[in-house]
Amino acid sequence: MNDTNRTAEDLLQELQSVDESHRIEAKRCTQIDRSVMETVWAFGNEPGLGGGYLILGVVRDPNDMFGTGYDIVGISNPDKLQSDLASQCASVFNRPLRPRVTVESLQAKTVIVVYVPEVAPTDKPIYLSN
């Protein structure tokens, strides 16, 4: 499988086996806030990783004593979140970023998978311009 086309199910399985990695992060996400944008920024800048994945609508299970359990909470407004993410990626950084965003279903709940490619070395560093 092409590493830039992973599914929400595949990413969730990896999270549950290795916990959050330097390439995958899960967030509840009711809005595109600074935390989401900082993750996008980090994935775009991190050298040699080829980018990273953000799964919106998935949170760590607070009752899992091993720390590798995740709950699918879902996203209630995927169209608005996609639009807000695209708008912010185009405007809040010193250069526009264009992550690939897909809406998927996990356990009958809507989640958003955001793939942020690593920025070309000549375009680094990317930073929040405001």
N, C-alpha and C. Protein backbone atom coordinates (compact mmCIF):
# COMPACT_ATOMS: atom_id res chain seq x y z
N MET A 1 0.84 -1.18 0.00
CA MET A 1 0.00 0.00 0.00
C MET A 1 0.88 1.25 0.00
N ASN A 2 0.50 2.22 -0.80
CA ASN A 2 1.20 3.50 -0.82
C ASN A 2 1.05 4.15 0.54
N ASP A 3 2.17 4.53 1.15
CA ASP A 3 2.14 5.08 2.50
C ASP A 3 1.40 6.41 2.58
N THR A 4 1.17 7.08 1.46
CA THR A 4 0.44 8.34 1.49
C THR A 4 -1.05 8.15 1.26
N ASN A 5 -1.52 6.92 1.18
CA ASN A 5 -2.94 6.65 0.96
C ASN A 5 -3.48 5.67 2.00
N ARG A 6 -3.15 5.87 3.25
CA ARG A 6 -3.59 4.94 4.29
C ARG A 6 -5.00 5.26 4.74
N THR A 7 -5.73 4.23 5.13
CA THR A 7 -7.11 4.41 5.57
C THR A 7 -7.18 4.70 7.07
N ALA A 8 -8.31 5.21 7.50
CA ALA A 8 -8.53 5.49 8.92
C ALA A 8 -8.40 4.21 9.73
N GLU A 9 -8.92 3.11 9.23
CA GLU A 9 -8.85 1.82 9.94
C GLU A 9 -7.40 1.39 10.12
N ASP A 10 -6.61 1.50 9.06
CA ASP A 10 -5.19 1.13 9.10
C ASP A 10 -4.44 2.01 10.11
N LEU A 11 -4.69 3.30 10.08
CA LEU A 11 -4.01 4.22 10.99
C LEU A 11 -4.41 3.95 12.44
N LEU A 12 -5.70 3.67 12.67
CA LEU A 12 -6.16 3.37 14.03
C LEU A 12 -5.50 2.09 14.55
N GLN A 13 -5.39 1.08 13.70
CA GLN A 13 -4.73 -0.16 14.13
C GLN A 13 -3.28 0.10 14.52
N GLU A 14 -2.58 0.95 13.76
CA GLU A 14 -1.20 1.27 14.11
C GLU A 14 -1.14 2.03 15.43
N LEU A 15 -2.03 2.98 15.61
CA LEU A 15 -2.06 3.73 16.88
C LEU A 15 -2.26 2.78 18.06
N GLN A 16 -3.17 1.83 17.89
CA GLN A 16 -3.47 0.91 19.00
C GLN A 16 -2.32 -0.05 19.28
N SER A 17 -1.47 -0.27 18.29
CA SER A 17 -0.35 -1.18 18.53
C SER A 17 0.89 -0.45 19.02
N VAL A 18 1.11 0.78 18.59
CA VAL A 18 2.34 1.49 18.97
C VAL A 18 2.09 2.82 19.68
N ASP A 19 0.83 3.21 19.87
CA ASP A 19 0.46 4.49 20.45
C ASP A 19 0.82 5.60 19.46
N GLU A 20 0.62 6.84 19.84
CA GLU A 20 0.91 7.94 18.92
C GLU A 20 2.37 7.87 18.52
N SER A 21 2.60 8.01 17.25
CA SER A 21 3.96 7.98 16.74
C SER A 21 4.30 9.36 16.21
N HIS A 22 5.50 9.51 15.72
CA HIS A 22 5.90 10.77 15.12
C HIS A 22 5.21 11.01 13.79
N ARG A 23 4.47 10.02 13.28
CA ARG A 23 3.79 10.16 11.98
C ARG A 23 2.28 10.11 12.06
N ILE A 24 1.70 9.77 13.23
CA ILE A 24 0.25 9.68 13.36
C ILE A 24 -0.17 10.34 14.66
N GLU A 25 -1.18 11.19 14.58
CA GLU A 25 -1.72 11.81 15.78
C GLU A 25 -3.23 11.81 15.70
N ALA A 26 -3.89 11.57 16.82
CA ALA A 26 -5.36 11.55 16.89
C ALA A 26 -5.83 12.73 17.72
N LYS A 27 -6.94 13.34 17.29
CA LYS A 27 -7.51 14.47 18.02
C LYS A 27 -9.04 14.39 17.95
N ARG A 28 -9.68 14.84 19.04
CA ARG A 28 -11.15 14.89 19.08
C ARG A 28 -11.66 15.84 18.00
N CYS A 29 -11.21 17.08 18.04
CA CYS A 29 -11.45 18.10 17.02
C CYS A 29 -12.91 18.46 16.79
N THR A 30 -13.36 19.46 17.52
CA THR A 30 -14.68 20.03 17.23
C THR A 30 -14.54 21.28 16.38
N GLN A 31 -13.29 21.79 16.28
CA GLN A 31 -13.00 22.93 15.41
C GLN A 31 -11.52 22.88 15.04
N ILE A 32 -11.16 23.57 13.97
CA ILE A 32 -9.76 23.63 13.56
C ILE A 32 -9.11 24.73 14.40
N ASP A 33 -8.41 24.30 15.46
CA ASP A 33 -7.81 25.25 16.39
C ASP A 33 -6.29 25.26 16.25
N ARG A 34 -5.64 25.99 17.13
CA ARG A 34 -4.19 26.12 17.07
C ARG A 34 -3.49 24.76 17.22
N SER A 35 -4.04 23.89 18.06
CA SER A 35 -3.45 22.57 18.27
C SER A 35 -3.39 21.77 16.95
N VAL A 36 -4.49 21.81 16.20
CA VAL A 36 -4.52 21.11 14.90
C VAL A 36 -3.50 21.73 13.95
N MET A 37 -3.46 23.05 13.90
CA MET A 37 -2.55 23.72 12.98
C MET A 37 -1.08 23.50 13.36
N GLU A 38 -0.79 23.40 14.66
CA GLU A 38 0.58 23.11 15.08
C GLU A 38 1.00 21.70 14.66
N THR A 39 0.06 20.76 14.67
CA THR A 39 0.36 19.41 14.21
C THR A 39 0.63 19.41 12.71
N VAL A 40 -0.21 20.12 11.96
CA VAL A 40 -0.01 20.25 10.51
C VAL A 40 1.37 20.85 10.23
N TRP A 41 1.69 21.92 10.95
CA TRP A 41 2.99 22.60 10.81
C TRP A 41 4.14 21.62 11.08
N ALA A 42 4.03 20.86 12.17
CA ALA A 42 5.10 19.92 12.54
C ALA A 42 5.29 18.84 11.48
N PHE A 43 4.20 18.25 10.99
CA PHE A 43 4.31 17.20 9.97
C PHE A 43 4.91 17.76 8.68
N GLY A 44 4.58 18.98 8.32
CA GLY A 44 5.12 19.58 7.11
C GLY A 44 6.61 19.88 7.20
N ASN A 45 7.07 20.22 8.40
CA ASN A 45 8.46 20.62 8.60
C ASN A 45 9.41 19.48 8.93
N GLU A 46 8.92 18.41 9.55
CA GLU A 46 9.80 17.36 10.07
C GLU A 46 10.60 16.71 8.94
N PRO A 47 11.93 16.80 8.99
CA PRO A 47 12.74 16.27 7.88
C PRO A 47 12.79 14.74 7.85
N GLY A 48 12.73 14.21 6.64
CA GLY A 48 12.96 12.79 6.43
C GLY A 48 11.82 11.85 6.76
N LEU A 49 10.68 12.36 7.21
CA LEU A 49 9.56 11.47 7.55
C LEU A 49 8.56 11.32 6.42
N GLY A 50 8.59 12.23 5.48
CA GLY A 50 7.64 12.16 4.38
C GLY A 50 6.25 12.61 4.77
N GLY A 51 6.13 13.38 5.84
CA GLY A 51 4.82 13.88 6.26
C GLY A 51 4.23 13.05 7.38
N GLY A 52 2.96 13.29 7.66
CA GLY A 52 2.29 12.57 8.73
C GLY A 52 0.78 12.63 8.61
N TYR A 53 0.13 11.87 9.48
CA TYR A 53 -1.33 11.73 9.46
C TYR A 53 -1.94 12.26 10.75
N LEU A 54 -3.06 12.93 10.58
CA LEU A 54 -3.87 13.40 11.69
C LEU A 54 -5.25 12.77 11.51
N ILE A 55 -5.74 12.09 12.54
CA ILE A 55 -7.08 11.52 12.50
C ILE A 55 -7.96 12.35 13.42
N LEU A 56 -8.96 13.01 12.85
CA LEU A 56 -9.86 13.85 13.62
C LEU A 56 -11.13 13.07 13.93
N GLY A 57 -11.54 13.10 15.20
CA GLY A 57 -12.71 12.35 15.63
C GLY A 57 -12.34 11.09 16.39
N VAL A 58 -11.06 11.00 16.79
CA VAL A 58 -10.55 9.84 17.54
C VAL A 58 -9.78 10.37 18.74
N VAL A 59 -10.04 9.80 19.93
CA VAL A 59 -9.35 10.24 21.14
C VAL A 59 -8.80 9.04 21.91
N ARG A 60 -7.78 9.31 22.69
CA ARG A 60 -7.21 8.28 23.55
C ARG A 60 -8.27 7.88 24.58
N ASP A 61 -8.39 6.59 24.85
CA ASP A 61 -9.33 6.07 25.85
C ASP A 61 -8.77 6.35 27.24
N PRO A 62 -9.43 7.21 28.02
CA PRO A 62 -8.89 7.57 29.35
C PRO A 62 -8.90 6.39 30.33
N ASN A 63 -9.67 5.36 30.04
CA ASN A 63 -9.76 4.21 30.95
C ASN A 63 -8.81 3.07 30.60
N ASP A 64 -8.03 3.25 29.53
CA ASP A 64 -7.10 2.21 29.11
C ASP A 64 -5.78 2.37 29.85
N MET A 65 -5.48 1.46 30.76
CA MET A 65 -4.29 1.62 31.59
C MET A 65 -2.99 1.44 30.81
N PHE A 66 -3.05 0.88 29.60
CA PHE A 66 -1.83 0.72 28.80
C PHE A 66 -1.59 1.91 27.88
N GLY A 67 -2.58 2.78 27.74
CA GLY A 67 -2.41 4.00 26.95
C GLY A 67 -2.44 3.81 25.45
N THR A 68 -2.86 2.63 24.98
CA THR A 68 -2.90 2.42 23.53
C THR A 68 -4.33 2.24 23.03
N GLY A 69 -5.32 2.45 23.91
CA GLY A 69 -6.71 2.35 23.49
C GLY A 69 -7.22 3.69 22.99
N TYR A 70 -8.01 3.65 21.95
CA TYR A 70 -8.58 4.87 21.38
C TYR A 70 -10.08 4.68 21.20
N ASP A 71 -10.81 5.77 21.40
CA ASP A 71 -12.26 5.78 21.19
C ASP A 71 -12.56 6.59 19.94
N ILE A 72 -13.48 6.08 19.13
CA ILE A 72 -13.95 6.82 17.97
C ILE A 72 -15.12 7.66 18.45
N VAL A 73 -14.95 8.99 18.50
CA VAL A 73 -16.02 9.88 18.94
C VAL A 73 -16.75 10.49 17.75
N GLY A 74 -16.09 10.50 16.60
CA GLY A 74 -16.73 11.00 15.39
C GLY A 74 -16.69 12.52 15.28
N ILE A 75 -17.03 12.97 14.09
CA ILE A 75 -17.07 14.39 13.74
C ILE A 75 -18.49 14.68 13.29
N SER A 76 -19.10 15.72 13.86
CA SER A 76 -20.49 16.03 13.49
C SER A 76 -20.59 16.98 12.31
N ASN A 77 -19.51 17.70 12.00
CA ASN A 77 -19.57 18.71 10.93
C ASN A 77 -18.36 18.58 9.99
N PRO A 78 -18.22 17.44 9.30
CA PRO A 78 -17.02 17.21 8.49
C PRO A 78 -16.83 18.23 7.37
N ASP A 79 -17.90 18.70 6.73
CA ASP A 79 -17.75 19.65 5.64
C ASP A 79 -17.17 20.97 6.14
N LYS A 80 -17.66 21.46 7.27
CA LYS A 80 -17.15 22.71 7.84
C LYS A 80 -15.69 22.55 8.27
N LEU A 81 -15.36 21.42 8.93
CA LEU A 81 -13.98 21.21 9.37
C LEU A 81 -13.03 21.14 8.18
N GLN A 82 -13.44 20.43 7.11
CA GLN A 82 -12.59 20.36 5.91
C GLN A 82 -12.37 21.74 5.31
N SER A 83 -13.43 22.51 5.22
CA SER A 83 -13.35 23.86 4.66
C SER A 83 -12.46 24.75 5.53
N ASP A 84 -12.65 24.70 6.85
CA ASP A 84 -11.84 25.51 7.76
C ASP A 84 -10.37 25.11 7.70
N LEU A 85 -10.09 23.81 7.62
CA LEU A 85 -8.71 23.34 7.54
C LEU A 85 -8.05 23.85 6.26
N ALA A 86 -8.74 23.70 5.13
CA ALA A 86 -8.18 24.16 3.85
C ALA A 86 -7.93 25.66 3.88
N SER A 87 -8.87 26.40 4.42
CA SER A 87 -8.74 27.85 4.49
C SER A 87 -7.55 28.25 5.36
N GLN A 88 -7.43 27.64 6.53
CA GLN A 88 -6.32 27.99 7.43
C GLN A 88 -4.98 27.55 6.86
N CYS A 89 -4.93 26.36 6.23
CA CYS A 89 -3.66 25.90 5.64
C CYS A 89 -3.21 26.84 4.53
N ALA A 90 -4.15 27.51 3.89
CA ALA A 90 -3.81 28.44 2.81
C ALA A 90 -3.43 29.82 3.34
N SER A 91 -3.79 30.13 4.61
CA SER A 91 -3.62 31.51 5.05
C SER A 91 -2.78 31.74 6.30
N VAL A 92 -2.65 30.76 7.19
CA VAL A 92 -1.99 31.05 8.48
C VAL A 92 -0.48 30.79 8.47
N PHE A 93 0.02 30.13 7.46
CA PHE A 93 1.45 29.85 7.38
C PHE A 93 2.14 30.83 6.43
N ASN A 94 3.45 30.89 6.51
CA ASN A 94 4.20 31.75 5.61
C ASN A 94 4.10 31.28 4.15
N ARG A 95 3.78 30.01 3.93
CA ARG A 95 3.51 29.46 2.60
C ARG A 95 2.26 28.60 2.71
N PRO A 96 1.43 28.57 1.67
CA PRO A 96 0.24 27.73 1.74
C PRO A 96 0.61 26.24 1.80
N LEU A 97 -0.09 25.49 2.62
CA LEU A 97 0.05 24.03 2.66
C LEU A 97 -1.22 23.42 2.11
N ARG A 98 -1.08 22.29 1.46
CA ARG A 98 -2.24 21.62 0.86
C ARG A 98 -2.29 20.16 1.31
N PRO A 99 -2.77 19.92 2.52
CA PRO A 99 -2.89 18.53 2.97
C PRO A 99 -4.00 17.82 2.20
N ARG A 100 -3.89 16.51 2.12
CA ARG A 100 -4.95 15.70 1.51
C ARG A 100 -5.91 15.29 2.62
N VAL A 101 -7.19 15.55 2.43
CA VAL A 101 -8.19 15.32 3.45
C VAL A 101 -9.24 14.35 2.91
N THR A 102 -9.54 13.30 3.68
CA THR A 102 -10.61 12.38 3.30
C THR A 102 -11.54 12.19 4.48
N VAL A 103 -12.81 12.00 4.18
CA VAL A 103 -13.81 11.71 5.20
C VAL A 103 -14.10 10.23 5.10
N GLU A 104 -14.02 9.54 6.24
CA GLU A 104 -14.22 8.10 6.27
C GLU A 104 -15.16 7.73 7.41
N SER A 105 -15.55 6.47 7.43
CA SER A 105 -16.39 5.97 8.50
C SER A 105 -15.62 4.91 9.28
N LEU A 106 -15.59 5.08 10.61
CA LEU A 106 -14.99 4.10 11.51
C LEU A 106 -16.03 3.76 12.56
N GLN A 107 -16.35 2.49 12.67
CA GLN A 107 -17.35 2.05 13.66
C GLN A 107 -18.62 2.89 13.55
N ALA A 108 -19.06 3.11 12.31
CA ALA A 108 -20.29 3.84 11.99
C ALA A 108 -20.25 5.30 12.43
N LYS A 109 -19.05 5.85 12.64
CA LYS A 109 -18.92 7.27 12.97
C LYS A 109 -18.02 7.93 11.93
N THR A 110 -18.29 9.18 11.65
CA THR A 110 -17.52 9.94 10.66
C THR A 110 -16.22 10.45 11.28
N VAL A 111 -15.11 10.18 10.59
CA VAL A 111 -13.81 10.70 10.99
C VAL A 111 -13.17 11.37 9.77
N ILE A 112 -12.20 12.21 10.03
CA ILE A 112 -11.47 12.87 8.96
C ILE A 112 -10.00 12.45 9.05
N VAL A 113 -9.45 12.01 7.93
CA VAL A 113 -8.02 11.68 7.86
C VAL A 113 -7.33 12.78 7.07
N VAL A 114 -6.32 13.38 7.69
CA VAL A 114 -5.56 14.46 7.07
C VAL A 114 -4.14 13.96 6.86
N TYR A 115 -3.71 13.91 5.60
CA TYR A 115 -2.32 13.57 5.32
C TYR A 115 -1.59 14.87 4.97
N VAL A 116 -0.55 15.18 5.74
CA VAL A 116 0.25 16.38 5.51
C VAL A 116 1.58 15.94 4.94
N PRO A 117 1.86 16.26 3.67
CA PRO A 117 3.15 15.88 3.10
C PRO A 117 4.27 16.74 3.65
N GLU A 118 5.46 16.18 3.68
CA GLU A 118 6.63 16.98 4.07
C GLU A 118 6.87 18.04 3.01
N VAL A 119 7.13 19.24 3.45
CA VAL A 119 7.40 20.36 2.56
C VAL A 119 8.79 20.19 1.94
N ALA A 120 8.95 20.61 0.70
CA ALA A 120 10.25 20.54 0.03
C ALA A 120 11.29 21.33 0.84
N PRO A 121 12.52 20.82 0.91
CA PRO A 121 13.56 21.50 1.68
C PRO A 121 13.73 22.98 1.32
N THR A 122 13.54 23.31 0.06
CA THR A 122 13.69 24.71 -0.37
C THR A 122 12.57 25.60 0.15
N ASP A 123 11.45 25.00 0.59
CA ASP A 123 10.31 25.76 1.11
C ASP A 123 10.30 25.83 2.64
N LYS A 124 11.27 25.19 3.29
CA LYS A 124 11.30 25.18 4.75
C LYS A 124 12.07 26.38 5.27
N PRO A 125 11.80 26.83 6.45
CA PRO A 125 10.79 26.28 7.35
C PRO A 125 9.42 26.92 7.08
N ILE A 126 8.40 26.13 7.35
CA ILE A 126 7.02 26.63 7.37
C ILE A 126 6.78 27.10 8.79
N TYR A 127 6.12 28.21 8.95
CA TYR A 127 5.80 28.69 10.30
C TYR A 127 4.48 29.43 10.30
N LEU A 128 3.87 29.53 11.47
CA LEU A 128 2.64 30.29 11.62
C LEU A 128 2.97 31.76 11.45
N SER A 129 2.29 32.42 10.53
CA SER A 129 2.64 33.80 10.22
C SER A 129 1.90 34.81 11.09
N ASN A 130 0.98 34.36 11.93
CA ASN A 130 0.28 35.32 12.79
C ASN A 130 0.58 35.09 14.25
